[in-house]
N, C-alpha and C. Protein backbone atom coordinates (compact mmCIF):
# COMPACT_ATOMS: atom_id res chain seq x y z
N UNK A 1 -5.05 115.66 13.50
CA UNK A 1 -3.71 116.16 13.71
C UNK A 1 -2.81 115.65 12.57
N UNK A 2 -2.03 116.54 12.02
CA UNK A 2 -1.12 116.15 10.96
C UNK A 2 0.03 115.30 11.51
N UNK A 3 0.49 114.36 10.71
CA UNK A 3 1.56 113.47 11.14
C UNK A 3 2.81 114.24 11.57
N UNK A 4 3.15 115.30 10.85
CA UNK A 4 4.35 116.05 11.18
C UNK A 4 4.21 116.85 12.48
N UNK A 5 3.00 116.96 13.02
CA UNK A 5 2.78 117.64 14.29
C UNK A 5 2.87 116.71 15.49
N UNK A 6 2.98 115.42 15.24
CA UNK A 6 3.06 114.45 16.33
C UNK A 6 4.48 114.42 16.86
N UNK A 7 4.62 114.51 18.17
CA UNK A 7 5.93 114.42 18.81
C UNK A 7 5.98 113.16 19.65
N UNK A 8 7.02 112.38 19.45
CA UNK A 8 7.21 111.17 20.25
C UNK A 8 8.21 111.47 21.36
N UNK A 9 7.86 111.10 22.57
CA UNK A 9 8.75 111.29 23.71
C UNK A 9 9.12 109.93 24.27
N UNK A 10 10.40 109.72 24.50
CA UNK A 10 10.88 108.47 25.09
C UNK A 10 10.63 108.50 26.59
N UNK A 11 10.27 107.35 27.15
CA UNK A 11 10.10 107.31 28.60
C UNK A 11 11.39 106.92 29.29
N UNK A 12 12.41 106.55 28.53
CA UNK A 12 13.71 106.20 29.11
C UNK A 12 14.79 106.50 28.08
N UNK A 13 15.79 107.24 28.46
CA UNK A 13 16.91 107.56 27.58
C UNK A 13 18.19 107.32 28.37
N UNK A 14 19.18 106.73 27.71
CA UNK A 14 20.47 106.48 28.37
C UNK A 14 21.59 106.96 27.45
N UNK A 15 22.75 107.18 28.03
CA UNK A 15 23.91 107.56 27.24
C UNK A 15 24.39 106.38 26.42
N UNK A 16 25.03 106.66 25.29
CA UNK A 16 25.59 105.60 24.46
C UNK A 16 26.78 104.96 25.18
N UNK A 17 26.94 103.65 24.99
CA UNK A 17 28.09 102.96 25.55
C UNK A 17 29.28 103.15 24.60
N UNK A 18 30.47 102.80 25.07
CA UNK A 18 31.67 102.89 24.22
C UNK A 18 31.51 102.02 22.97
N UNK A 19 30.94 100.83 23.15
CA UNK A 19 30.74 99.92 22.01
C UNK A 19 29.80 100.53 20.98
N UNK A 20 28.75 101.21 21.43
CA UNK A 20 27.82 101.87 20.51
C UNK A 20 28.49 103.05 19.80
N UNK A 21 29.26 103.81 20.53
CA UNK A 21 29.96 104.95 19.94
C UNK A 21 30.87 104.48 18.81
N UNK A 22 31.60 103.40 19.06
CA UNK A 22 32.49 102.86 18.03
C UNK A 22 31.69 102.32 16.84
N UNK A 23 30.61 101.61 17.11
CA UNK A 23 29.83 100.99 16.04
C UNK A 23 29.07 102.02 15.20
N UNK A 24 28.57 103.08 15.85
CA UNK A 24 27.73 104.06 15.15
C UNK A 24 28.46 105.38 14.90
N UNK A 25 29.76 105.39 15.01
CA UNK A 25 30.59 106.57 14.74
C UNK A 25 30.21 107.78 15.57
N UNK A 26 29.74 107.55 16.78
CA UNK A 26 29.40 108.64 17.68
C UNK A 26 28.10 109.34 17.39
N UNK A 27 27.37 108.91 16.37
CA UNK A 27 26.08 109.53 16.05
C UNK A 27 24.98 108.96 16.93
N UNK A 28 24.07 109.82 17.37
CA UNK A 28 22.95 109.37 18.18
C UNK A 28 22.10 108.42 17.35
N UNK A 29 21.66 107.33 17.98
CA UNK A 29 20.88 106.31 17.28
C UNK A 29 19.60 106.04 18.07
N UNK A 30 18.49 106.02 17.36
CA UNK A 30 17.21 105.65 17.96
C UNK A 30 16.77 104.36 17.30
N UNK A 31 16.37 103.39 18.09
CA UNK A 31 15.90 102.13 17.55
C UNK A 31 14.55 101.81 18.18
N UNK A 32 13.69 101.17 17.41
CA UNK A 32 12.39 100.74 17.92
C UNK A 32 12.38 99.22 17.95
N UNK A 33 12.05 98.66 19.09
CA UNK A 33 11.99 97.22 19.26
C UNK A 33 10.55 96.80 19.49
N UNK A 34 10.18 95.63 18.98
CA UNK A 34 8.81 95.15 19.16
C UNK A 34 8.74 94.00 20.17
N UNK A 35 9.86 93.66 20.77
CA UNK A 35 9.87 92.59 21.76
C UNK A 35 10.95 92.91 22.80
N UNK A 36 10.62 92.73 24.07
CA UNK A 36 11.56 93.03 25.15
C UNK A 36 12.86 92.24 25.01
N UNK A 37 12.78 90.97 24.57
CA UNK A 37 13.99 90.16 24.46
C UNK A 37 14.95 90.70 23.41
N UNK A 38 14.42 91.26 22.32
CA UNK A 38 15.27 91.88 21.31
C UNK A 38 16.00 93.09 21.90
N UNK A 39 15.30 93.86 22.69
CA UNK A 39 15.90 95.03 23.34
C UNK A 39 17.00 94.59 24.31
N UNK A 40 16.72 93.56 25.09
CA UNK A 40 17.70 93.05 26.04
C UNK A 40 18.95 92.55 25.31
N UNK A 41 18.78 91.80 24.24
CA UNK A 41 19.93 91.28 23.49
C UNK A 41 20.76 92.43 22.92
N UNK A 42 20.11 93.48 22.43
CA UNK A 42 20.81 94.64 21.93
C UNK A 42 21.62 95.31 23.05
N UNK A 43 21.01 95.45 24.22
CA UNK A 43 21.70 96.07 25.36
C UNK A 43 22.89 95.24 25.81
N UNK A 44 22.74 93.92 25.81
CA UNK A 44 23.85 93.06 26.20
C UNK A 44 24.98 93.14 25.17
N UNK A 45 24.63 93.15 23.90
CA UNK A 45 25.64 93.23 22.84
C UNK A 45 26.47 94.50 22.96
N UNK A 46 25.83 95.61 23.32
CA UNK A 46 26.54 96.88 23.41
C UNK A 46 26.99 97.22 24.82
N UNK A 47 26.95 96.24 25.71
CA UNK A 47 27.53 96.35 27.06
C UNK A 47 26.95 97.51 27.87
N UNK A 48 25.63 97.56 27.90
CA UNK A 48 24.93 98.57 28.70
C UNK A 48 25.16 98.27 30.18
N UNK A 49 25.31 99.30 30.99
CA UNK A 49 25.64 99.10 32.40
C UNK A 49 24.50 98.41 33.17
N UNK A 50 24.86 97.86 34.30
CA UNK A 50 23.94 97.06 35.10
C UNK A 50 22.72 97.84 35.57
N UNK A 51 22.91 99.10 35.94
CA UNK A 51 21.77 99.92 36.42
C UNK A 51 20.72 100.08 35.32
N UNK A 52 21.16 100.30 34.09
CA UNK A 52 20.21 100.44 32.99
C UNK A 52 19.53 99.12 32.67
N UNK A 53 20.25 98.02 32.81
CA UNK A 53 19.64 96.70 32.58
C UNK A 53 18.57 96.42 33.63
N UNK A 54 18.82 96.83 34.86
CA UNK A 54 17.81 96.66 35.93
C UNK A 54 16.58 97.52 35.64
N UNK A 55 16.79 98.74 35.16
CA UNK A 55 15.66 99.61 34.80
C UNK A 55 14.85 98.96 33.68
N UNK A 56 15.54 98.38 32.72
CA UNK A 56 14.86 97.67 31.63
C UNK A 56 13.98 96.55 32.17
N UNK A 57 14.50 95.79 33.11
CA UNK A 57 13.72 94.69 33.69
C UNK A 57 12.48 95.22 34.40
N UNK A 58 12.59 96.35 35.09
CA UNK A 58 11.42 96.94 35.75
C UNK A 58 10.38 97.40 34.73
N UNK A 59 10.82 98.02 33.65
CA UNK A 59 9.89 98.43 32.60
C UNK A 59 9.23 97.22 31.96
N UNK A 60 9.99 96.15 31.78
CA UNK A 60 9.46 94.93 31.17
C UNK A 60 8.30 94.39 32.00
N UNK A 61 8.43 94.45 33.32
CA UNK A 61 7.38 93.95 34.21
C UNK A 61 6.15 94.87 34.20
N UNK A 62 6.38 96.16 34.00
CA UNK A 62 5.29 97.13 34.11
C UNK A 62 4.58 97.43 32.80
N UNK A 63 5.28 97.29 31.68
CA UNK A 63 4.73 97.71 30.39
C UNK A 63 4.90 96.62 29.34
N UNK A 64 3.85 95.85 29.07
CA UNK A 64 3.95 94.92 27.94
C UNK A 64 4.26 95.71 26.68
N UNK A 65 5.24 95.29 25.91
CA UNK A 65 5.73 96.08 24.79
C UNK A 65 4.65 96.33 23.75
N UNK A 66 3.80 95.38 23.49
CA UNK A 66 2.75 95.59 22.48
C UNK A 66 1.81 96.74 22.89
N UNK A 67 1.53 96.88 24.18
CA UNK A 67 0.69 97.98 24.64
C UNK A 67 1.44 99.31 24.52
N UNK A 68 2.75 99.28 24.74
CA UNK A 68 3.54 100.50 24.62
C UNK A 68 3.54 101.00 23.19
N UNK A 69 3.62 100.08 22.24
CA UNK A 69 3.63 100.46 20.83
C UNK A 69 2.28 101.04 20.44
N UNK A 70 1.21 100.46 20.95
CA UNK A 70 -0.13 100.92 20.59
C UNK A 70 -0.43 102.31 21.16
N UNK A 71 0.22 102.66 22.24
CA UNK A 71 -0.05 103.94 22.89
C UNK A 71 0.55 105.06 22.17
């Protein structure tokens, strides 16, 4: 399969927070993290709502990040 034919699908997508909109000028941003703690720190910095933080914690328990990257 050619690289340009590969489609990546996110298993979780959330709306941008006000802090992210201000920081990224309203442009959609995709980031790849290699450690759950880095992702959590990013979410805390940009004031992600509590429901999304809880979802993150559930994913952290279910999916070791290194396995997610390999998949």
